[in-house]
């Protein structure tokens, strides 16, 4: 295996879009890549008094490290991105509420006459040895330790047709998927739209609940190790994800029911392709076994996942077994 490539999160090494930027480095399939990602606030929120609206430069939120040119990746291929490890690069994480952002408040998409939410910041102590994240209420002395569950909120490639998308937007190119499933040991599959794919990633979370309901997870800079591979001549129309136990399809859309439909439709078609089942037979199997989880319900597009346990698909292997190859090094 080639020596690891290391990419720091220095100015010029990260950006705020998918598409519209030149690659900062070239990587080979199978070579480990280690990189540092910034938190969604770019490291500018350090205390509970640092309100994002005052210390951040909108719309420059959610930076991603990259893009990386993946050697051999061409339009019509699929890029497999395997997450080897995720380690918070700070002793604390940050969350917040915003006046017009989140699932339980008035937004630009859903307008009401209610008063906007207070902008408030929470700091979470991260204990790597104990693998915990400590919640501390701001208006009482209530505390509770939550399990550390690191994940990447944003991973994507350059969109097709020279399109440029903000990193906060999830779609078929990936982007701000915000699914807790994208943690260590998971493999994300993305369709390649441009030569080299132009992969970028960031938005580390120490943990996040399904839906990212308030709009902000426990945000933290992250030390990341990934390995990528290129699956030649195989297209992937919407992001897919594989863990040791599940095959997962992701859908991004508004309204939420359309994101649900996209994910379920893709999973049914994937199962039919893997097993040789008639489409309705695959539909029936997925209907009785699927798990549906919200990635986020706060962004310009919402994300839903549809997953099926591999034990219900005996004798099958997605993408020629690339997940197991990357997982086992």
C-alpha atoms as a PDB file:
ATOM      1  CA  UNK A   1       0.000   0.000   0.000  1.00  0.00           C
ATOM      2  CA  UNK A   2       1.233   3.517  -0.812  1.00  0.00           C
ATOM      3  CA  UNK A   3       2.341   5.889   1.924  1.00  0.00           C
ATOM      4  CA  UNK A   4      -0.471   8.028   3.337  1.00  0.00           C
ATOM      5  CA  UNK A   5      -1.089  11.461   1.881  1.00  0.00           C
ATOM      6  CA  UNK A   6      -1.633  14.126   4.551  1.00  0.00           C
ATOM      7  CA  UNK A   7      -3.658  17.264   3.868  1.00  0.00           C
ATOM      8  CA  UNK A   8      -4.028  19.951   6.555  1.00  0.00           C
ATOM      9  CA  UNK A   9      -7.039  22.258   6.809  1.00  0.00           C
ATOM     10  CA  UNK A  10      -5.031  25.362   5.924  1.00  0.00           C
ATOM     11  CA  UNK A  11      -6.342  28.315   3.902  1.00  0.00           C
ATOM     12  CA  UNK A  12      -6.398  27.264   0.271  1.00  0.00           C
ATOM     13  CA  UNK A  13      -6.946  23.634   1.244  1.00  0.00           C
ATOM     14  CA  UNK A  14     -10.652  24.024   1.926  1.00  0.00           C
ATOM     15  CA  UNK A  15     -13.646  25.687   0.302  1.00  0.00           C
ATOM     16  CA  UNK A  16     -17.395  26.184   0.525  1.00  0.00           C
ATOM     17  CA  UNK A  17     -18.664  24.617  -2.692  1.00  0.00           C
ATOM     18  CA  UNK A  18     -18.719  21.379  -4.636  1.00  0.00           C
ATOM     19  CA  UNK A  19     -17.610  22.262  -8.151  1.00  0.00           C
ATOM     20  CA  UNK A  20     -15.947  25.494  -9.175  1.00  0.00           C
ATOM     21  CA  UNK A  21     -12.576  24.739  -7.547  1.00  0.00           C
ATOM     22  CA  UNK A  22      -9.367  23.146  -8.792  1.00  0.00           C
ATOM     23  CA  UNK A  23      -8.001  20.050  -7.078  1.00  0.00           C
ATOM     24  CA  UNK A  24      -5.547  20.692  -4.244  1.00  0.00           C
ATOM     25  CA  UNK A  25      -3.985  17.217  -4.485  1.00  0.00           C
ATOM     26  CA  UNK A  26      -4.121  13.977  -6.467  1.00  0.00           C
ATOM     27  CA  UNK A  27      -4.776  10.667  -4.734  1.00  0.00           C
ATOM     28  CA  UNK A  28      -4.483   7.090  -5.948  1.00  0.00           C
ATOM     29  CA  UNK A  29      -7.112   4.434  -5.377  1.00  0.00           C
ATOM     30  CA  UNK A  30      -6.145   2.307  -2.399  1.00  0.00           C
ATOM     31  CA  UNK A  31      -3.788   4.895  -0.868  1.00  0.00           C
ATOM     32  CA  UNK A  32      -4.701   6.129   2.630  1.00  0.00           C
ATOM     33  CA  UNK A  33      -5.465   9.831   2.835  1.00  0.00           C
ATOM     34  CA  UNK A  34      -5.321  11.645   6.167  1.00  0.00           C
ATOM     35  CA  UNK A  35      -6.720  15.132   6.442  1.00  0.00           C
ATOM     36  CA  UNK A  36      -7.945  17.699   8.910  1.00  0.00           C
ATOM     37  CA  UNK A  37     -11.433  19.138   8.555  1.00  0.00           C
ATOM     38  CA  UNK A  38     -12.720  22.293  10.217  1.00  0.00           C
ATOM     39  CA  UNK A  39     -15.974  22.480  12.130  1.00  0.00           C
ATOM     40  CA  UNK A  40     -18.966  24.001  10.355  1.00  0.00           C
ATOM     41  CA  UNK A  41     -18.166  27.418  11.859  1.00  0.00           C
ATOM     42  CA  UNK A  42     -14.581  27.365  10.615  1.00  0.00           C
ATOM     43  CA  UNK A  43     -13.243  27.413  14.179  1.00  0.00           C
ATOM     44  CA  UNK A  44     -14.696  30.856  14.900  1.00  0.00           C
ATOM     45  CA  UNK A  45     -17.101  29.797  17.672  1.00  0.00           C
ATOM     46  CA  UNK A  46     -15.000  29.143  20.763  1.00  0.00           C
ATOM     47  CA  UNK A  47     -17.206  30.165  23.698  1.00  0.00           C
ATOM     48  CA  UNK A  48     -20.919  30.356  24.456  1.00  0.00           C
ATOM     49  CA  UNK A  49     -20.690  34.096  23.860  1.00  0.00           C
ATOM     50  CA  UNK A  50     -19.492  33.667  20.256  1.00  0.00           C
ATOM     51  CA  UNK A  51     -22.807  33.897  18.458  1.00  0.00           C
ATOM     52  CA  UNK A  52     -22.372  32.556  14.910  1.00  0.00           C
ATOM     53  CA  UNK A  53     -24.277  35.501  13.418  1.00  0.00           C
ATOM     54  CA  UNK A  54     -21.649  37.813  14.920  1.00  0.00           C
ATOM     55  CA  UNK A  55     -18.399  35.893  14.443  1.00  0.00           C
ATOM     56  CA  UNK A  56     -19.037  33.989  11.196  1.00  0.00           C
ATOM     57  CA  UNK A  57     -19.075  35.423   7.689  1.00  0.00           C
ATOM     58  CA  UNK A  58     -22.275  34.231   6.043  1.00  0.00           C
ATOM     59  CA  UNK A  59     -22.641  32.371   3.716  1.00  0.00           C
ATOM     60  CA  UNK A  60     -19.133  31.000   4.391  1.00  0.00           C
ATOM     61  CA  UNK A  61     -20.148  28.103   6.606  1.00  0.00           C
ATOM     62  CA  UNK A  62     -19.540  24.367   6.396  1.00  0.00           C
ATOM     63  CA  UNK A  63     -16.011  24.303   4.910  1.00  0.00           C
ATOM     64  CA  UNK A  64     -14.832  21.117   3.206  1.00  0.00           C
ATOM     65  CA  UNK A  65     -11.218  20.032   2.764  1.00  0.00           C
ATOM     66  CA  UNK A  66     -10.346  19.420  -0.873  1.00  0.00           C
ATOM     67  CA  UNK A  67     -11.164  18.842  -3.607  1.00  0.00           C
ATOM     68  CA  UNK A  68      -9.033  15.790  -4.299  1.00  0.00           C
ATOM     69  CA  UNK A  69      -8.443  14.507  -7.831  1.00  0.00           C
ATOM     70  CA  UNK A  70      -8.864  10.727  -7.718  1.00  0.00           C
ATOM     71  CA  UNK A  71      -6.685   9.125 -10.361  1.00  0.00           C
ATOM     72  CA  UNK A  72      -8.623   7.065 -12.904  1.00  0.00           C
ATOM     73  CA  UNK A  73     -12.079   8.367 -11.973  1.00  0.00           C
ATOM     74  CA  UNK A  74     -14.147   9.308 -15.038  1.00  0.00           C
ATOM     75  CA  UNK A  75     -17.780  10.289 -15.609  1.00  0.00           C
ATOM     76  CA  UNK A  76     -19.949   7.171 -15.472  1.00  0.00           C
ATOM     77  CA  UNK A  77     -17.794   5.525 -12.800  1.00  0.00           C
ATOM     78  CA  UNK A  78     -18.600   5.232  -9.096  1.00  0.00           C
ATOM     79  CA  UNK A  79     -16.307   6.519  -6.378  1.00  0.00           C
ATOM     80  CA  UNK A  80     -16.122   4.438  -3.200  1.00  0.00           C
ATOM     81  CA  UNK A  81     -15.076   6.488  -0.162  1.00  0.00           C
ATOM     82  CA  UNK A  82     -14.234   4.318   2.833  1.00  0.00           C
ATOM     83  CA  UNK A  83     -13.985   6.015   6.234  1.00  0.00           C
ATOM     84  CA  UNK A  84     -11.121   4.362   8.087  1.00  0.00           C
ATOM     85  CA  UNK A  85     -11.066   6.561  11.189  1.00  0.00           C
ATOM     86  CA  UNK A  86     -12.485   9.775  12.643  1.00  0.00           C
ATOM     87  CA  UNK A  87     -10.937  11.472  15.669  1.00  0.00           C
ATOM     88  CA  UNK A  88     -12.175  14.805  17.065  1.00  0.00           C
ATOM     89  CA  UNK A  89      -9.351  17.351  16.816  1.00  0.00           C
ATOM     90  CA  UNK A  90     -10.641  19.469  19.696  1.00  0.00           C
ATOM     91  CA  UNK A  91     -11.494  18.849  23.337  1.00  0.00           C
ATOM     92  CA  UNK A  92     -14.919  20.412  22.856  1.00  0.00           C
ATOM     93  CA  UNK A  93     -17.704  20.490  20.317  1.00  0.00           C
ATOM     94  CA  UNK A  94     -20.202  23.226  19.549  1.00  0.00           C
ATOM     95  CA  UNK A  95     -23.912  23.358  18.865  1.00  0.00           C
ATOM     96  CA  UNK A  96     -26.366  26.210  18.557  1.00  0.00           C
ATOM     97  CA  UNK A  97     -29.821  27.378  17.680  1.00  0.00           C
ATOM     98  CA  UNK A  98     -30.454  30.003  15.005  1.00  0.00           C
ATOM     99  CA  UNK A  99     -33.351  32.447  14.690  1.00  0.00           C
ATOM    100  CA  UNK A 100     -34.537  31.130  11.294  1.00  0.00           C
ATOM    101  CA  UNK A 101     -32.910  27.716  10.894  1.00  0.00           C
ATOM    102  CA  UNK A 102     -33.925  24.289  12.163  1.00  0.00           C
ATOM    103  CA  UNK A 103     -36.859  21.904  11.992  1.00  0.00           C
ATOM    104  CA  UNK A 104     -38.916  23.471  14.802  1.00  0.00           C
ATOM    105  CA  UNK A 105     -38.915  27.145  13.895  1.00  0.00           C
ATOM    106  CA  UNK A 106     -40.047  29.495  11.162  1.00  0.00           C
ATOM    107  CA  UNK A 107     -37.675  29.512   8.168  1.00  0.00           C
ATOM    108  CA  UNK A 108     -37.487  31.080   4.730  1.00  0.00           C
ATOM    109  CA  UNK A 109     -39.178  27.959   3.355  1.00  0.00           C
ATOM    110  CA  UNK A 110     -41.792  27.649   6.104  1.00  0.00           C
ATOM    111  CA  UNK A 111     -42.987  31.082   7.152  1.00  0.00           C
ATOM    112  CA  UNK A 112     -45.051  31.713  10.281  1.00  0.00           C
ATOM    113  CA  UNK A 113     -45.841  34.685  12.509  1.00  0.00           C
ATOM    114  CA  UNK A 114     -44.046  33.217  15.523  1.00  0.00           C
ATOM    115  CA  UNK A 115     -41.104  35.062  17.048  1.00  0.00           C
ATOM    116  CA  UNK A 116     -37.694  33.751  15.869  1.00  0.00           C
ATOM    117  CA  UNK A 117     -35.788  31.442  18.165  1.00  0.00           C
ATOM    118  CA  UNK A 118     -33.083  32.846  20.410  1.00  0.00           C
ATOM    119  CA  UNK A 119     -29.582  32.354  19.063  1.00  0.00           C
ATOM    120  CA  UNK A 120     -27.798  30.298  21.717  1.00  0.00           C
ATOM    121  CA  UNK A 121     -24.526  28.331  21.808  1.00  0.00           C
ATOM    122  CA  UNK A 122     -23.729  25.142  23.737  1.00  0.00           C
ATOM    123  CA  UNK A 123     -20.249  23.721  24.354  1.00  0.00           C
ATOM    124  CA  UNK A 124     -19.817  19.961  24.751  1.00  0.00           C
ATOM    125  CA  UNK A 125     -16.740  18.595  26.531  1.00  0.00           C
ATOM    126  CA  UNK A 126     -15.299  15.676  24.549  1.00  0.00           C
ATOM    127  CA  UNK A 127     -13.503  12.926  26.462  1.00  0.00           C
ATOM    128  CA  UNK A 128     -11.683  10.729  23.955  1.00  0.00           C
ATOM    129  CA  UNK A 129     -10.537   8.246  26.619  1.00  0.00           C
ATOM    130  CA  UNK A 130     -14.054   7.749  27.978  1.00  0.00           C
ATOM    131  CA  UNK A 131     -15.620   8.082  24.496  1.00  0.00           C
ATOM    132  CA  UNK A 132     -18.185  10.566  25.782  1.00  0.00           C
ATOM    133  CA  UNK A 133     -19.649  13.935  24.840  1.00  0.00           C
ATOM    134  CA  UNK A 134     -21.000  15.927  27.806  1.00  0.00           C
ATOM    135  CA  UNK A 135     -24.239  17.870  27.406  1.00  0.00           C
ATOM    136  CA  UNK A 136     -24.565  20.843  29.760  1.00  0.00           C
ATOM    137  CA  UNK A 137     -27.828  22.796  29.857  1.00  0.00           C
ATOM    138  CA  UNK A 138     -27.435  26.549  29.546  1.00  0.00           C
ATOM    139  CA  UNK A 139     -30.256  27.489  31.928  1.00  0.00           C
ATOM    140  CA  UNK A 140     -29.767  24.887  34.659  1.00  0.00           C
ATOM    141  CA  UNK A 141     -27.074  22.646  36.135  1.00  0.00           C
ATOM    142  CA  UNK A 142     -28.375  19.555  34.283  1.00  0.00           C
ATOM    143  CA  UNK A 143     -25.623  17.490  32.629  1.00  0.00           C
ATOM    144  CA  UNK A 144     -25.507  14.077  30.980  1.00  0.00           C
ATOM    145  CA  UNK A 145     -22.748  12.153  29.195  1.00  0.00           C
ATOM    146  CA  UNK A 146     -23.646  11.006  25.689  1.00  0.00           C
ATOM    147  CA  UNK A 147     -21.714   8.391  23.702  1.00  0.00           C
ATOM    148  CA  UNK A 148     -19.108   9.782  21.311  1.00  0.00           C
ATOM    149  CA  UNK A 149     -20.263   8.778  17.820  1.00  0.00           C
ATOM    150  CA  UNK A 150     -18.081  10.596  15.270  1.00  0.00           C
ATOM    151  CA  UNK A 151     -19.369  11.026  11.725  1.00  0.00           C
ATOM    152  CA  UNK A 152     -18.838  13.170   8.648  1.00  0.00           C
ATOM    153  CA  UNK A 153     -21.758  15.418   7.826  1.00  0.00           C
ATOM    154  CA  UNK A 154     -20.572  16.493   4.371  1.00  0.00           C
ATOM    155  CA  UNK A 155     -18.905  14.383   1.672  1.00  0.00           C
ATOM    156  CA  UNK A 156     -19.343  14.961  -2.034  1.00  0.00           C
ATOM    157  CA  UNK A 157     -17.930  15.224  -5.525  1.00  0.00           C
ATOM    158  CA  UNK A 158     -18.221  17.902  -8.210  1.00  0.00           C
ATOM    159  CA  UNK A 159     -21.741  17.982  -9.690  1.00  0.00           C
ATOM    160  CA  UNK A 160     -22.424  17.368 -13.366  1.00  0.00           C
ATOM    161  CA  UNK A 161     -22.751  20.010 -16.095  1.00  0.00           C
ATOM    162  CA  UNK A 162     -20.277  22.447 -14.495  1.00  0.00           C
ATOM    163  CA  UNK A 163     -22.747  23.127 -11.710  1.00  0.00           C
ATOM    164  CA  UNK A 164     -21.482  24.673  -8.468  1.00  0.00           C
ATOM    165  CA  UNK A 165     -23.359  23.841  -5.258  1.00  0.00           C
ATOM    166  CA  UNK A 166     -22.933  25.225  -1.751  1.00  0.00           C
ATOM    167  CA  UNK A 167     -21.590  22.638   0.662  1.00  0.00           C
ATOM    168  CA  UNK A 168     -24.713  22.928   2.829  1.00  0.00           C
ATOM    169  CA  UNK A 169     -26.891  21.496   0.015  1.00  0.00           C
ATOM    170  CA  UNK A 170     -27.296  17.696  -0.275  1.00  0.00           C
ATOM    171  CA  UNK A 171     -28.128  16.162  -3.657  1.00  0.00           C
ATOM    172  CA  UNK A 172     -27.095  13.372  -6.012  1.00  0.00           C
ATOM    173  CA  UNK A 173     -23.453  14.541  -5.836  1.00  0.00           C
ATOM    174  CA  UNK A 174     -23.453  13.976  -2.055  1.00  0.00           C
ATOM    175  CA  UNK A 175     -22.912  17.154  -0.059  1.00  0.00           C
ATOM    176  CA  UNK A 176     -24.432  17.810   3.353  1.00  0.00           C
ATOM    177  CA  UNK A 177     -25.960  14.363   3.851  1.00  0.00           C
ATOM    178  CA  UNK A 178     -25.826  14.533   7.652  1.00  0.00           C
ATOM    179  CA  UNK A 179     -26.488  10.847   8.199  1.00  0.00           C
ATOM    180  CA  UNK A 180     -25.093   9.328  11.418  1.00  0.00           C
ATOM    181  CA  UNK A 181     -24.436   6.181   9.377  1.00  0.00           C
ATOM    182  CA  UNK A 182     -21.396   7.860   7.789  1.00  0.00           C
ATOM    183  CA  UNK A 183     -18.960   6.987  10.538  1.00  0.00           C
ATOM    184  CA  UNK A 184     -15.810   4.864  10.834  1.00  0.00           C
ATOM    185  CA  UNK A 185     -16.091   1.623   8.875  1.00  0.00           C
ATOM    186  CA  UNK A 186     -18.695   2.929   6.417  1.00  0.00           C
ATOM    187  CA  UNK A 187     -18.243   3.177   2.660  1.00  0.00           C
ATOM    188  CA  UNK A 188     -20.010   5.921   0.705  1.00  0.00           C
ATOM    189  CA  UNK A 189     -20.688   5.437  -3.019  1.00  0.00           C
ATOM    190  CA  UNK A 190     -20.978   8.524  -5.234  1.00  0.00           C
ATOM    191  CA  UNK A 191     -21.465   8.795  -8.973  1.00  0.00           C
ATOM    192  CA  UNK A 192     -18.530  10.455 -10.759  1.00  0.00           C
ATOM    193  CA  UNK A 193     -19.467  13.470 -12.901  1.00  0.00           C
ATOM    194  CA  UNK A 194     -16.117  15.008 -13.892  1.00  0.00           C
ATOM    195  CA  UNK A 195     -12.612  13.635 -14.507  1.00  0.00           C
ATOM    196  CA  UNK A 196     -10.978  12.943 -11.147  1.00  0.00           C
ATOM    197  CA  UNK A 197     -14.325  13.160  -9.298  1.00  0.00           C
ATOM    198  CA  UNK A 198     -13.050  16.137  -7.221  1.00  0.00           C
ATOM    199  CA  UNK A 199     -13.861  14.715  -3.803  1.00  0.00           C
ATOM    200  CA  UNK A 200     -14.136  17.007  -0.773  1.00  0.00           C
ATOM    201  CA  UNK A 201     -15.274  16.391   2.790  1.00  0.00           C
ATOM    202  CA  UNK A 202     -15.815  18.070   6.134  1.00  0.00           C
ATOM    203  CA  UNK A 203     -18.450  18.998   8.701  1.00  0.00           C
ATOM    204  CA  UNK A 204     -17.282  16.612  11.415  1.00  0.00           C
ATOM    205  CA  UNK A 205     -19.773  15.769  14.143  1.00  0.00           C
ATOM    206  CA  UNK A 206     -18.884  14.291  17.518  1.00  0.00           C
ATOM    207  CA  UNK A 207     -22.445  12.991  17.452  1.00  0.00           C
ATOM    208  CA  UNK A 208     -25.820  13.825  15.923  1.00  0.00           C
ATOM    209  CA  UNK A 209     -29.369  12.630  16.350  1.00  0.00           C
ATOM    210  CA  UNK A 210     -31.442  11.555  13.348  1.00  0.00           C
ATOM    211  CA  UNK A 211     -32.797  14.600  11.550  1.00  0.00           C
ATOM    212  CA  UNK A 212     -30.272  17.074  13.032  1.00  0.00           C
ATOM    213  CA  UNK A 213     -33.436  18.683  14.394  1.00  0.00           C
ATOM    214  CA  UNK A 214     -32.082  22.019  15.661  1.00  0.00           C
ATOM    215  CA  UNK A 215     -29.937  22.317  12.518  1.00  0.00           C
ATOM    216  CA  UNK A 216     -26.580  21.946  14.286  1.00  0.00           C
ATOM    217  CA  UNK A 217     -24.966  18.726  15.526  1.00  0.00           C
ATOM    218  CA  UNK A 218     -22.091  18.589  18.021  1.00  0.00           C
ATOM    219  CA  UNK A 219     -19.746  20.253  15.551  1.00  0.00           C
ATOM    220  CA  UNK A 220     -16.013  19.659  15.815  1.00  0.00           C
ATOM    221  CA  UNK A 221     -12.845  19.747  13.757  1.00  0.00           C
ATOM    222  CA  UNK A 222     -11.925  16.207  12.786  1.00  0.00           C
ATOM    223  CA  UNK A 223      -8.825  14.209  11.918  1.00  0.00           C
ATOM    224  CA  UNK A 224      -9.928  11.893   9.136  1.00  0.00           C
ATOM    225  CA  UNK A 225      -8.410   8.895   7.381  1.00  0.00           C
ATOM    226  CA  UNK A 226     -10.086   7.631   4.221  1.00  0.00           C
ATOM    227  CA  UNK A 227      -9.295   5.230   1.394  1.00  0.00           C
ATOM    228  CA  UNK A 228     -10.925   5.609  -2.004  1.00  0.00           C
ATOM    229  CA  UNK A 229     -11.472   3.273  -4.917  1.00  0.00           C
ATOM    230  CA  UNK A 230     -12.923   3.667  -8.399  1.00  0.00           C
ATOM    231  CA  UNK A 231     -15.555   1.250  -9.686  1.00  0.00           C
ATOM    232  CA  UNK A 232     -15.171   1.508 -13.445  1.00  0.00           C
ATOM    233  CA  UNK A 233     -18.150   1.682 -15.771  1.00  0.00           C
ATOM    234  CA  UNK A 234     -20.744   1.487 -12.995  1.00  0.00           C
ATOM    235  CA  UNK A 235     -22.972   4.518 -12.493  1.00  0.00           C
ATOM    236  CA  UNK A 236     -24.610   5.433  -9.183  1.00  0.00           C
ATOM    237  CA  UNK A 237     -27.530   7.814  -9.510  1.00  0.00           C
ATOM    238  CA  UNK A 238     -28.035   8.736  -5.865  1.00  0.00           C
ATOM    239  CA  UNK A 239     -25.614   8.336  -2.952  1.00  0.00           C
ATOM    240  CA  UNK A 240     -25.398   4.879  -1.446  1.00  0.00           C
ATOM    241  CA  UNK A 241     -23.711   3.718   1.711  1.00  0.00           C
ATOM    242  CA  UNK A 242     -22.527   0.355   2.978  1.00  0.00           C
ATOM    243  CA  UNK A 243     -21.655  -0.770   6.475  1.00  0.00           C
ATOM    244  CA  UNK A 244     -20.642  -4.205   7.687  1.00  0.00           C
ATOM    245  CA  UNK A 245     -24.312  -4.979   8.286  1.00  0.00           C
ATOM    246  CA  UNK A 246     -26.381  -2.892   5.874  1.00  0.00           C
ATOM    247  CA  UNK A 247     -26.822  -1.605   2.346  1.00  0.00           C
ATOM    248  CA  UNK A 248     -28.265   1.911   2.375  1.00  0.00           C
ATOM    249  CA  UNK A 249     -29.654   4.258  -0.269  1.00  0.00           C
ATOM    250  CA  UNK A 250     -29.868   8.011   0.333  1.00  0.00           C
ATOM    251  CA  UNK A 251     -32.378  10.426  -1.137  1.00  0.00           C
ATOM    252  CA  UNK A 252     -32.221  14.233  -1.055  1.00  0.00           C
ATOM    253  CA  UNK A 253     -35.257  16.359  -1.878  1.00  0.00           C
ATOM    254  CA  UNK A 254     -38.053  18.551  -0.559  1.00  0.00           C
ATOM    255  CA  UNK A 255     -40.642  17.687   0.633  1.00  0.00           C
ATOM    256  CA  UNK A 256     -39.378  14.999   3.012  1.00  0.00           C
ATOM    257  CA  UNK A 257     -41.689  12.376   1.519  1.00  0.00           C
ATOM    258  CA  UNK A 258     -39.917  12.736  -1.833  1.00  0.00           C
ATOM    259  CA  UNK A 259     -36.537  12.191  -0.164  1.00  0.00           C
ATOM    260  CA  UNK A 260     -38.090   9.092   1.424  1.00  0.00           C
ATOM    261  CA  UNK A 261     -39.366   7.887  -1.951  1.00  0.00           C
ATOM    262  CA  UNK A 262     -36.018   8.428  -3.696  1.00  0.00           C
ATOM    263  CA  UNK A 263     -34.167   6.403  -1.055  1.00  0.00           C
ATOM    264  CA  UNK A 264     -36.698   3.576  -1.000  1.00  0.00           C
ATOM    265  CA  UNK A 265     -36.961   3.417  -4.801  1.00  0.00           C
ATOM    266  CA  UNK A 266     -33.203   3.196  -5.168  1.00  0.00           C
ATOM    267  CA  UNK A 267     -32.939   0.498  -2.503  1.00  0.00           C
ATOM    268  CA  UNK A 268     -35.639  -1.589  -4.198  1.00  0.00           C
ATOM    269  CA  UNK A 269     -33.842  -1.322  -7.546  1.00  0.00           C
ATOM    270  CA  UNK A 270     -30.478  -2.086  -5.937  1.00  0.00           C
ATOM    271  CA  UNK A 271     -31.874  -5.190  -4.225  1.00  0.00           C
ATOM    272  CA  UNK A 272     -33.495  -6.342  -7.478  1.00  0.00           C
ATOM    273  CA  UNK A 273     -30.193  -5.929  -9.317  1.00  0.00           C
ATOM    274  CA  UNK A 274     -28.177  -7.799  -6.677  1.00  0.00           C
ATOM    275  CA  UNK A 275     -30.591 -10.708  -6.232  1.00  0.00           C
ATOM    276  CA  UNK A 276     -32.155 -11.039  -9.674  1.00  0.00           C
ATOM    277  CA  UNK A 277     -35.580 -10.606  -8.103  1.00  0.00           C
ATOM    278  CA  UNK A 278     -38.484  -9.244 -10.094  1.00  0.00           C
ATOM    279  CA  UNK A 279     -39.012  -5.565  -9.204  1.00  0.00           C
ATOM    280  CA  UNK A 280     -42.211  -6.202  -7.250  1.00  0.00           C
ATOM    281  CA  UNK A 281     -40.637  -9.131  -5.395  1.00  0.00           C
ATOM    282  CA  UNK A 282     -37.775  -6.828  -4.408  1.00  0.00           C
ATOM    283  CA  UNK A 283     -40.315  -4.157  -3.424  1.00  0.00           C
ATOM    284  CA  UNK A 284     -42.050  -6.650  -1.147  1.00  0.00           C
ATOM    285  CA  UNK A 285     -38.785  -7.737   0.509  1.00  0.00           C
ATOM    286  CA  UNK A 286     -37.649  -4.161   1.117  1.00  0.00           C
ATOM    287  CA  UNK A 287     -41.098  -3.213   2.431  1.00  0.00           C
ATOM    288  CA  UNK A 288     -40.861  -5.808   5.173  1.00  0.00           C
ATOM    289  CA  UNK A 289     -37.236  -5.203   6.177  1.00  0.00           C
ATOM    290  CA  UNK A 290     -36.260  -1.594   5.514  1.00  0.00           C
ATOM    291  CA  UNK A 291     -35.063   0.882   8.120  1.00  0.00           C
ATOM    292  CA  UNK A 292     -35.746   4.538   7.287  1.00  0.00           C
ATOM    293  CA  UNK A 293     -33.720   7.264   8.996  1.00  0.00           C
ATOM    294  CA  UNK A 294     -33.679  11.007   8.547  1.00  0.00           C
ATOM    295  CA  UNK A 295     -30.301  12.531   7.736  1.00  0.00           C
ATOM    296  CA  UNK A 296     -31.355  16.138   8.096  1.00  0.00           C
ATOM    297  CA  UNK A 297     -34.674  17.941   7.893  1.00  0.00           C
ATOM    298  CA  UNK A 298     -33.249  21.469   8.004  1.00  0.00           C
ATOM    299  CA  UNK A 299     -31.235  22.119   4.839  1.00  0.00           C
ATOM    300  CA  UNK A 300     -32.320  23.410   1.409  1.00  0.00           C
ATOM    301  CA  UNK A 301     -32.984  19.740   0.640  1.00  0.00           C
ATOM    302  CA  UNK A 302     -33.841  17.057   3.188  1.00  0.00           C
ATOM    303  CA  UNK A 303     -32.158  13.646   3.402  1.00  0.00           C
ATOM    304  CA  UNK A 304     -33.663  10.229   4.077  1.00  0.00           C
ATOM    305  CA  UNK A 305     -31.934   6.862   4.124  1.00  0.00           C
ATOM    306  CA  UNK A 306     -33.339   3.425   3.360  1.00  0.00           C
ATOM    307  CA  UNK A 307     -31.364   0.468   4.661  1.00  0.00           C
ATOM    308  CA  UNK A 308     -31.641  -3.303   4.435  1.00  0.00           C
ATOM    309  CA  UNK A 309     -29.665  -5.760   6.549  1.00  0.00           C
ATOM    310  CA  UNK A 310     -27.269  -7.828   4.459  1.00  0.00           C
ATOM    311  CA  UNK A 311     -28.427 -10.995   6.212  1.00  0.00           C
ATOM    312  CA  UNK A 312     -31.613 -10.757   4.128  1.00  0.00           C
ATOM    313  CA  UNK A 313     -29.563 -10.814   0.899  1.00  0.00           C
ATOM    314  CA  UNK A 314     -27.574 -14.064   1.162  1.00  0.00           C
ATOM    315  CA  UNK A 315     -25.017 -14.714  -1.531  1.00  0.00           C
ATOM    316  CA  UNK A 316     -24.926 -11.137  -2.784  1.00  0.00           C
ATOM    317  CA  UNK A 317     -22.126  -8.571  -2.818  1.00  0.00           C
ATOM    318  CA  UNK A 318     -22.550  -4.903  -3.708  1.00  0.00           C
ATOM    319  CA  UNK A 319     -20.074  -3.284  -6.114  1.00  0.00           C
ATOM    320  CA  UNK A 320     -17.972  -6.435  -6.364  1.00  0.00           C
ATOM    321  CA  UNK A 321     -17.182  -6.513  -2.640  1.00  0.00           C
ATOM    322  CA  UNK A 322     -15.267  -3.224  -2.581  1.00  0.00           C
ATOM    323  CA  UNK A 323     -16.476  -2.399   0.947  1.00  0.00           C
ATOM    324  CA  UNK A 324     -14.941  -5.555   2.392  1.00  0.00           C
ATOM    325  CA  UNK A 325     -11.690  -4.995   0.458  1.00  0.00           C
ATOM    326  CA  UNK A 326     -11.329  -1.456   1.734  1.00  0.00           C
ATOM    327  CA  UNK A 327     -12.472  -2.379   5.239  1.00  0.00           C
ATOM    328  CA  UNK A 328      -9.870  -5.126   5.547  1.00  0.00           C
ATOM    329  CA  UNK A 329      -7.094  -3.046   4.061  1.00  0.00           C
END
